[in-house]
Amino acid sequence: MRQKSFADEGFEKSRKKTRKELFLDEMDSIIPWKELAAAIEPFYPKAEGAGRRPIGIERMLRIHFLQH
């Protein structure tokens, strides 16, 4: 028989949210990501031919917002 760990018992459920998690949750509730991505999509580079594929619009928007 194997010894049980905290992860097996659902220890994570009683954990307090970190400041980072609270900030990201608040950012998700305030910013309309889908609408912003739809507005930028016509100008965003398309994956054409050889070479590195562009990173997703929504991910780049989130990175930009976090930097500022």
Protein backbone atom coordinates (compact mmCIF):
# COMPACT_ATOMS: atom_id res chain seq x y z
CA MET A 1 0.00 0.00 0.00
CA ARG A 2 1.25 3.43 -0.92
CA GLN A 3 1.32 6.39 1.47
CA LYS A 4 -1.24 9.09 0.67
CA SER A 5 -0.05 12.60 -0.10
CA PHE A 6 -1.72 15.96 0.37
CA ALA A 7 -2.52 16.01 -3.35
CA ASP A 8 -4.52 12.78 -2.97
CA GLU A 9 -6.71 14.26 -0.26
CA GLY A 10 -7.63 17.48 -2.10
CA PHE A 11 -5.33 19.76 -0.10
CA GLU A 12 -5.38 22.29 -2.95
CA LYS A 13 -9.09 23.02 -2.43
CA SER A 14 -8.52 24.73 0.92
CA ARG A 15 -5.63 26.83 -0.36
CA LYS A 16 -5.89 30.62 -0.39
CA LYS A 17 -5.61 32.28 -3.83
CA THR A 18 -2.38 34.13 -4.47
CA ARG A 19 -2.23 37.81 -5.42
CA LYS A 20 -1.29 36.80 -8.96
CA GLU A 21 -4.31 34.50 -9.28
CA LEU A 22 -6.63 37.19 -7.91
CA PHE A 23 -5.19 39.75 -10.34
CA LEU A 24 -5.58 37.41 -13.34
CA ASP A 25 -9.15 36.52 -12.34
CA GLU A 26 -10.01 40.21 -12.07
CA MET A 27 -8.36 40.92 -15.43
CA ASP A 28 -10.41 38.12 -17.04
CA SER A 29 -13.65 39.53 -15.63
CA ILE A 30 -12.95 43.14 -16.70
CA ILE A 31 -11.39 42.86 -20.17
CA PRO A 32 -13.49 41.64 -23.14
CA TRP A 33 -10.83 39.39 -24.73
CA LYS A 34 -13.00 37.97 -27.53
CA GLU A 35 -14.11 41.42 -28.74
CA LEU A 36 -10.56 42.79 -28.68
CA ALA A 37 -9.24 39.76 -30.55
CA ALA A 38 -11.98 40.15 -33.17
CA ALA A 39 -11.06 43.83 -33.67
CA ILE A 40 -7.35 43.04 -34.15
CA GLU A 41 -7.76 39.84 -36.22
CA PRO A 42 -7.96 41.53 -39.68
CA PHE A 43 -4.57 43.20 -39.07
CA TYR A 44 -2.81 40.28 -37.37
CA PRO A 45 -0.32 38.28 -39.51
CA LYS A 46 -1.62 35.06 -41.03
CA ALA A 47 0.25 31.74 -41.03
CA GLU A 48 1.43 31.56 -44.64
CA GLY A 49 4.28 29.59 -46.16
CA ALA A 50 7.38 28.43 -44.36
CA GLY A 51 8.67 29.97 -41.20
CA ARG A 52 7.57 30.41 -37.63
CA ARG A 53 3.84 30.54 -37.05
CA PRO A 54 2.50 33.67 -35.33
CA ILE A 55 1.45 33.37 -31.70
CA GLY A 56 -2.29 33.53 -31.01
CA ILE A 57 -3.94 36.94 -30.83
CA GLU A 58 -5.46 36.43 -27.40
CA ARG A 59 -2.17 35.28 -25.89
CA MET A 60 -0.33 38.28 -27.33
CA LEU A 61 -3.02 40.65 -26.02
CA ARG A 62 -2.72 39.18 -22.53
CA ILE A 63 1.08 39.51 -22.61
CA HIS A 64 0.79 43.12 -23.78
CA PHE A 65 -1.68 44.00 -21.02
CA LEU A 66 0.49 42.33 -18.37
CA GLN A 67 3.56 44.27 -19.52
CA HIS A 68 1.71 47.57 -19.17
